[in-house]
Structures are given as C-alpha cells and as structure tokens.
Amino acid sequence: GKPSVHKVWDEPTAILAGDTLFSKAFEMIIPSNHEIRPVDIGVMLASGNLEVTVYKKPRVGIIPTGTEIIKPIEKPEEGDIIDSNSGMFASEISQNGGIPKRYDIVEDDKDEIYK
C-alpha cells in the first residue's frame, strides 16, 4: 500500500516505510522496511522522532462460497464440507502482518456473491 505519516504512539505495529530513521545525532535508529516493535517505539520517542512514515497493514476479506459449505459448529450431513479454509487463511494473513475479515458463507448464487 501507499505509505502514510503516523504519530509514533498511534501505529505501534506498522512497517517503517521509505528512509532509514536517524537520531538527531545522525545515528541509525531503525532501518527502512522494518516491522516496528514495542522497543522501537520507545527508542523513537526517546530520540525525538514523533512521526514516521509507515505502510498500513493490508486488510483482506475472506468470503467462503459454496452451497455445500457449512460452519465448523454445524453437524455435517452427507455432501457437506466444513469451512476450514477461511480460518486457515485468516491465520496466515495475521501471521504475515495483515488484518483478516471473515465474512459469512455465501451460497453458489452469482448475485449473492457480488453483494
């Protein structure tokens, strides 16, 4: 995504974009494209870097589709498939820095899918 400027205390789990961050004494504090950790927030604030340019976390929608798909809490009948993929994909997205949004199952109906 497009980098944007954030106050350090507002976006504690972002990826630093653009240039390497330096202190006022020109000591490197954090390299570019670095995932900001809690300790980095402290170092940035202590060094007077109150705003940084960061990449926002991508938001990813997950829409399970299929007439045969059921929720994991439902009892499967013949021909049903338990929706395991949306949970797996949501976990993978989270582990890789994204923000997953799981939607309800949509049956195989083109008009419903486009909504």
Protein backbone atom coordinates (compact mmCIF):
# COMPACT_ATOMS: atom_id res chain seq x y z
CA GLY A 1 0.00 0.00 0.00
CA LYS A 2 0.84 3.66 -0.12
CA PRO A 3 2.96 4.90 2.80
CA SER A 4 1.43 7.43 5.17
CA VAL A 5 2.67 9.51 8.11
CA HIS A 6 1.60 8.44 11.59
CA LYS A 7 2.36 9.61 15.06
CA VAL A 8 4.60 7.00 16.66
CA TRP A 9 2.21 6.26 19.53
CA ASP A 10 -0.78 5.83 17.16
CA GLU A 11 0.56 2.98 15.00
CA PRO A 12 2.67 0.66 17.15
CA THR A 13 2.59 -2.34 14.81
CA ALA A 14 3.36 -0.91 11.39
CA ILE A 15 6.15 -1.36 8.88
CA LEU A 16 8.51 1.60 8.60
CA ALA A 17 8.46 2.88 5.03
CA GLY A 18 10.92 4.87 2.98
CA ASP A 19 14.18 6.00 4.52
CA THR A 20 16.15 4.75 7.46
CA LEU A 21 15.26 6.56 10.70
CA PHE A 22 18.11 8.51 12.33
CA SER A 23 18.52 10.25 15.66
CA LYS A 24 19.28 13.97 15.86
CA ALA A 25 22.95 12.96 16.23
CA PHE A 26 22.64 11.08 12.91
CA GLU A 27 22.86 7.65 14.50
CA MET A 28 20.80 5.00 12.76
CA ILE A 29 17.84 4.03 14.93
CA ILE A 30 15.69 1.86 12.68
CA PRO A 31 16.31 0.75 9.08
CA SER A 32 13.66 1.22 6.40
CA ASN A 33 11.15 -1.60 5.79
CA HIS A 34 11.45 -2.71 9.42
CA GLU A 35 8.49 -4.02 11.41
CA ILE A 36 8.12 -1.66 14.34
CA ARG A 37 8.27 -3.45 17.69
CA PRO A 38 7.44 -2.06 21.14
CA VAL A 39 11.12 -1.44 21.89
CA ASP A 40 11.36 0.60 18.65
CA ILE A 41 8.52 2.86 19.84
CA GLY A 42 10.50 3.65 22.99
CA VAL A 43 13.67 4.40 21.04
CA MET A 44 11.82 6.62 18.55
CA LEU A 45 10.09 8.61 21.28
CA ALA A 46 13.28 8.95 23.33
CA SER A 47 15.18 10.21 20.28
CA GLY A 48 12.54 12.82 19.39
CA ASN A 49 11.13 11.01 16.34
CA LEU A 50 7.45 11.61 16.99
CA GLU A 51 6.20 10.94 13.46
CA VAL A 52 7.28 8.30 10.98
CA THR A 53 6.14 7.21 7.55
CA VAL A 54 4.72 3.70 7.66
CA TYR A 55 2.94 1.19 5.47
CA LYS A 56 -0.55 0.38 6.67
CA LYS A 57 -1.37 -3.26 7.29
CA PRO A 58 -3.34 -4.73 4.39
CA ARG A 59 -6.97 -5.61 5.13
CA VAL A 60 -8.04 -8.84 3.46
CA GLY A 61 -11.62 -10.07 3.08
CA ILE A 62 -12.31 -13.80 3.16
CA ILE A 63 -15.64 -14.96 1.72
CA PRO A 64 -16.27 -18.71 1.78
CA THR A 65 -18.58 -19.67 -1.09
CA GLY A 66 -20.49 -22.83 -1.91
CA THR A 67 -23.85 -24.38 -1.25
CA GLU A 68 -22.11 -27.36 0.36
CA ILE A 69 -20.03 -25.26 2.81
CA ILE A 70 -21.11 -25.26 6.48
CA LYS A 71 -19.78 -23.59 9.63
CA PRO A 72 -17.46 -25.69 11.82
CA ILE A 73 -20.03 -25.62 14.65
CA GLU A 74 -22.69 -27.28 12.46
CA LYS A 75 -23.13 -31.04 12.22
CA PRO A 76 -22.19 -32.16 8.71
CA GLU A 77 -24.59 -34.18 6.65
CA GLU A 78 -23.78 -36.15 3.51
CA GLY A 79 -22.29 -33.83 0.90
CA ASP A 80 -21.45 -31.02 3.36
CA ILE A 81 -17.96 -29.58 3.61
CA ILE A 82 -16.85 -27.88 6.83
CA ASP A 83 -15.40 -24.42 6.22
CA SER A 84 -11.83 -24.88 7.36
CA ASN A 85 -10.16 -22.71 4.73
CA SER A 86 -11.37 -19.33 5.97
CA GLY A 87 -9.89 -19.98 9.43
CA MET A 88 -6.63 -21.14 7.92
CA PHE A 89 -6.42 -18.15 5.57
CA ALA A 90 -7.26 -15.70 8.39
CA SER A 91 -4.44 -17.12 10.50
CA GLU A 92 -1.99 -16.95 7.59
CA ILE A 93 -2.95 -13.33 6.87
CA SER A 94 -2.49 -12.37 10.55
CA GLN A 95 0.88 -14.12 10.80
CA ASN A 96 2.08 -12.18 7.76
CA GLY A 97 1.06 -8.77 9.06
CA GLY A 98 -2.39 -8.39 7.52
CA ILE A 99 -5.80 -7.83 9.06
CA PRO A 100 -8.25 -10.58 8.04
CA LYS A 101 -12.02 -10.02 7.87
CA ARG A 102 -14.04 -13.24 7.69
CA TYR A 103 -17.48 -12.98 6.16
CA ASP A 104 -20.41 -15.38 6.40
CA ILE A 105 -20.67 -18.26 3.96
CA VAL A 106 -22.30 -17.29 0.66
CA GLU A 107 -24.16 -19.95 -1.31
CA ASP A 108 -23.43 -20.55 -5.01
CA ASP A 109 -25.53 -17.68 -6.29
CA LYS A 110 -23.76 -15.19 -8.54
CA ASP A 111 -25.95 -12.27 -7.41
CA GLU A 112 -25.32 -13.04 -3.72
CA ILE A 113 -21.58 -13.36 -4.28
CA TYR A 114 -21.42 -9.92 -5.93
CA LYS A 115 -23.19 -8.29 -2.96
